[in-house]
Amino acid sequence: RNEMIQRQEWKDEIRILIIDNYGSVQLSIPFYHNKLTGKADALIHTLYVDTKHRRQGIAKRLLQLAEQQAKLSHVKVVGLEFDIRDTESFVLNFYLKNGYKPFNRTSKLLIKRLK
């Protein structure tokens, strides 16, 4: 596979963009107090795979690469926000199958402890 990983060091966070031919994902690692503080050390967002190339393991590979980059940056818990009203249920099932769990009953945050 041909993935490109771009690491951007900003004054208040690290942003990592991972792209391949059919999809992309972003990872943010904030250095400031925010709504994730005490829940997760980093946030995965904007995981996208082109509709023609779904169900081929691309999303799983991009998610694993984002988690790997998080670990390289000493992240212990990664999170992602999920709103069932805005997203199809197969997306939630994908995250649950990949080890993400709701932070609590009312939260839109799913978290995963990295090993």
C-alpha atoms as a PDB file:
ATOM      1  CA  ARG A   1       0.000   0.000   0.000  1.00  0.00           C
ATOM      2  CA  ASN A   2       1.049   3.572  -0.626  1.00  0.00           C
ATOM      3  CA  GLU A   3       0.280   5.588   2.478  1.00  0.00           C
ATOM      4  CA  MET A   4       1.573   9.072   3.052  1.00  0.00           C
ATOM      5  CA  ILE A   5       1.927  10.224   6.659  1.00  0.00           C
ATOM      6  CA  GLN A   6       2.282  13.928   7.308  1.00  0.00           C
ATOM      7  CA  ARG A   7       3.099  15.089  10.836  1.00  0.00           C
ATOM      8  CA  GLN A   8       2.460  18.751  11.584  1.00  0.00           C
ATOM      9  CA  GLU A   9       3.769  20.230  14.833  1.00  0.00           C
ATOM     10  CA  TRP A  10       1.702  23.253  15.842  1.00  0.00           C
ATOM     11  CA  LYS A  11       2.255  25.285  18.993  1.00  0.00           C
ATOM     12  CA  ASP A  12      -0.723  23.723  20.780  1.00  0.00           C
ATOM     13  CA  GLU A  13      -1.062  20.294  19.157  1.00  0.00           C
ATOM     14  CA  ILE A  14       0.370  17.704  16.818  1.00  0.00           C
ATOM     15  CA  ARG A  15      -1.764  16.918  13.774  1.00  0.00           C
ATOM     16  CA  ILE A  16      -1.123  13.788  11.768  1.00  0.00           C
ATOM     17  CA  LEU A  17      -2.694  13.217   8.371  1.00  0.00           C
ATOM     18  CA  ILE A  18      -2.593   9.731   6.830  1.00  0.00           C
ATOM     19  CA  ILE A  19      -3.628   9.341   3.199  1.00  0.00           C
ATOM     20  CA  ASP A  20      -3.668   6.454   0.768  1.00  0.00           C
ATOM     21  CA  ASN A  21      -5.129   6.204  -2.740  1.00  0.00           C
ATOM     22  CA  TYR A  22      -8.660   5.532  -1.493  1.00  0.00           C
ATOM     23  CA  GLY A  23      -9.017   7.196   1.893  1.00  0.00           C
ATOM     24  CA  SER A  24      -7.627   9.266   4.722  1.00  0.00           C
ATOM     25  CA  VAL A  25      -7.720   9.785   8.472  1.00  0.00           C
ATOM     26  CA  GLN A  26      -6.584  12.548  10.816  1.00  0.00           C
ATOM     27  CA  LEU A  27      -5.223  12.413  14.350  1.00  0.00           C
ATOM     28  CA  SER A  28      -4.977  15.379  16.734  1.00  0.00           C
ATOM     29  CA  ILE A  29      -2.850  15.291  19.870  1.00  0.00           C
ATOM     30  CA  PRO A  30      -3.582  18.450  21.884  1.00  0.00           C
ATOM     31  CA  PHE A  31      -1.196  19.990  24.400  1.00  0.00           C
ATOM     32  CA  TYR A  32      -3.861  22.153  26.044  1.00  0.00           C
ATOM     33  CA  HIS A  33      -6.738  21.549  28.456  1.00  0.00           C
ATOM     34  CA  ASN A  34      -9.838  20.679  26.414  1.00  0.00           C
ATOM     35  CA  LYS A  35     -13.008  18.579  26.438  1.00  0.00           C
ATOM     36  CA  LEU A  36     -10.903  15.402  26.005  1.00  0.00           C
ATOM     37  CA  THR A  37      -8.749  16.086  29.062  1.00  0.00           C
ATOM     38  CA  GLY A  38      -9.058  13.198  31.506  1.00  0.00           C
ATOM     39  CA  LYS A  39     -10.832  11.038  28.917  1.00  0.00           C
ATOM     40  CA  ALA A  40      -8.452  10.590  25.977  1.00  0.00           C
ATOM     41  CA  ASP A  41      -5.007  11.868  24.998  1.00  0.00           C
ATOM     42  CA  ALA A  42      -5.732  12.154  21.275  1.00  0.00           C
ATOM     43  CA  LEU A  43      -8.662  12.318  18.875  1.00  0.00           C
ATOM     44  CA  ILE A  44      -9.065  10.418  15.622  1.00  0.00           C
ATOM     45  CA  HIS A  45     -11.350  12.167  13.183  1.00  0.00           C
ATOM     46  CA  THR A  46     -12.370  12.389   9.557  1.00  0.00           C
ATOM     47  CA  LEU A  47     -11.802   8.722   8.706  1.00  0.00           C
ATOM     48  CA  TYR A  48     -12.919   8.483   5.092  1.00  0.00           C
ATOM     49  CA  VAL A  49     -12.841   5.753   2.442  1.00  0.00           C
ATOM     50  CA  ASP A  50     -14.095   6.267  -1.105  1.00  0.00           C
ATOM     51  CA  THR A  51     -17.459   4.510  -1.511  1.00  0.00           C
ATOM     52  CA  LYS A  52     -16.212   2.361  -4.429  1.00  0.00           C
ATOM     53  CA  HIS A  53     -13.420   0.948  -2.273  1.00  0.00           C
ATOM     54  CA  ARG A  54     -15.238   0.196   0.977  1.00  0.00           C
ATOM     55  CA  ARG A  55     -15.303  -3.281   2.570  1.00  0.00           C
ATOM     56  CA  GLN A  56     -11.719  -3.977   1.461  1.00  0.00           C
ATOM     57  CA  GLY A  57      -9.971  -3.373   4.803  1.00  0.00           C
ATOM     58  CA  ILE A  58      -8.871   0.174   3.955  1.00  0.00           C
ATOM     59  CA  ALA A  59     -10.631   1.850   6.896  1.00  0.00           C
ATOM     60  CA  LYS A  60      -9.212  -0.741   9.296  1.00  0.00           C
ATOM     61  CA  ARG A  61      -5.699  -0.178   7.925  1.00  0.00           C
ATOM     62  CA  LEU A  62      -6.034   3.629   8.189  1.00  0.00           C
ATOM     63  CA  LEU A  63      -7.373   3.315  11.741  1.00  0.00           C
ATOM     64  CA  GLN A  64      -4.459   1.039  12.695  1.00  0.00           C
ATOM     65  CA  LEU A  65      -1.970   3.501  11.202  1.00  0.00           C
ATOM     66  CA  ALA A  66      -3.537   6.359  13.182  1.00  0.00           C
ATOM     67  CA  GLU A  67      -3.328   4.289  16.376  1.00  0.00           C
ATOM     68  CA  GLN A  68       0.295   3.398  15.576  1.00  0.00           C
ATOM     69  CA  GLN A  69       1.152   7.096  15.092  1.00  0.00           C
ATOM     70  CA  ALA A  70      -0.588   7.882  18.386  1.00  0.00           C
ATOM     71  CA  LYS A  71       1.528   5.260  20.177  1.00  0.00           C
ATOM     72  CA  LEU A  72       4.708   6.714  18.651  1.00  0.00           C
ATOM     73  CA  SER A  73       3.655  10.021  20.238  1.00  0.00           C
ATOM     74  CA  HIS A  74       3.208   8.316  23.672  1.00  0.00           C
ATOM     75  CA  VAL A  75      -0.602   8.435  23.570  1.00  0.00           C
ATOM     76  CA  LYS A  76      -2.198   5.914  25.935  1.00  0.00           C
ATOM     77  CA  VAL A  77      -5.911   6.473  25.177  1.00  0.00           C
ATOM     78  CA  VAL A  78      -7.288   7.555  21.830  1.00  0.00           C
ATOM     79  CA  GLY A  79     -10.825   8.763  21.290  1.00  0.00           C
ATOM     80  CA  LEU A  80     -13.255   9.598  18.549  1.00  0.00           C
ATOM     81  CA  GLU A  81     -16.569  11.356  18.596  1.00  0.00           C
ATOM     82  CA  PHE A  82     -19.616   9.585  17.228  1.00  0.00           C
ATOM     83  CA  ASP A  83     -23.151  10.871  16.817  1.00  0.00           C
ATOM     84  CA  ILE A  84     -25.687   8.193  15.882  1.00  0.00           C
ATOM     85  CA  ARG A  85     -27.988  10.891  14.455  1.00  0.00           C
ATOM     86  CA  ASP A  86     -25.379  11.980  11.888  1.00  0.00           C
ATOM     87  CA  THR A  87     -23.766   8.681  11.014  1.00  0.00           C
ATOM     88  CA  GLU A  88     -24.948   5.317   9.757  1.00  0.00           C
ATOM     89  CA  SER A  89     -24.947   2.465  12.277  1.00  0.00           C
ATOM     90  CA  PHE A  90     -22.408   0.362  10.323  1.00  0.00           C
ATOM     91  CA  VAL A  91     -19.813   3.021  11.217  1.00  0.00           C
ATOM     92  CA  LEU A  92     -20.477   2.607  14.954  1.00  0.00           C
ATOM     93  CA  ASN A  93     -20.297  -1.184  14.562  1.00  0.00           C
ATOM     94  CA  PHE A  94     -16.931  -0.807  12.775  1.00  0.00           C
ATOM     95  CA  TYR A  95     -15.475   1.181  15.680  1.00  0.00           C
ATOM     96  CA  LEU A  96     -16.889  -1.197  18.298  1.00  0.00           C
ATOM     97  CA  LYS A  97     -15.449  -4.172  16.393  1.00  0.00           C
ATOM     98  CA  ASN A  98     -12.056  -2.429  16.409  1.00  0.00           C
ATOM     99  CA  GLY A  99     -11.932  -2.088  20.188  1.00  0.00           C
ATOM    100  CA  TYR A 100     -13.562   1.309  20.813  1.00  0.00           C
ATOM    101  CA  LYS A 101     -15.997   1.597  23.702  1.00  0.00           C
ATOM    102  CA  PRO A 102     -18.357   4.385  24.777  1.00  0.00           C
ATOM    103  CA  PHE A 103     -16.753   6.612  27.435  1.00  0.00           C
ATOM    104  CA  ASN A 104     -20.062   6.500  29.309  1.00  0.00           C
ATOM    105  CA  ARG A 105     -23.767   6.114  28.565  1.00  0.00           C
ATOM    106  CA  THR A 106     -24.428   9.727  27.622  1.00  0.00           C
ATOM    107  CA  SER A 107     -21.138  10.605  25.921  1.00  0.00           C
ATOM    108  CA  LYS A 108     -20.618  10.757  22.161  1.00  0.00           C
ATOM    109  CA  LEU A 109     -16.995   9.847  22.825  1.00  0.00           C
ATOM    110  CA  LEU A 110     -15.692   6.373  22.018  1.00  0.00           C
ATOM    111  CA  ILE A 111     -12.306   5.515  23.513  1.00  0.00           C
ATOM    112  CA  LYS A 112      -9.663   2.821  23.128  1.00  0.00           C
ATOM    113  CA  ARG A 113      -6.699   2.098  25.386  1.00  0.00           C
ATOM    114  CA  LEU A 114      -3.674   1.458  23.215  1.00  0.00           C
ATOM    115  CA  LYS A 115      -1.520  -1.552  24.083  1.00  0.00           C
END
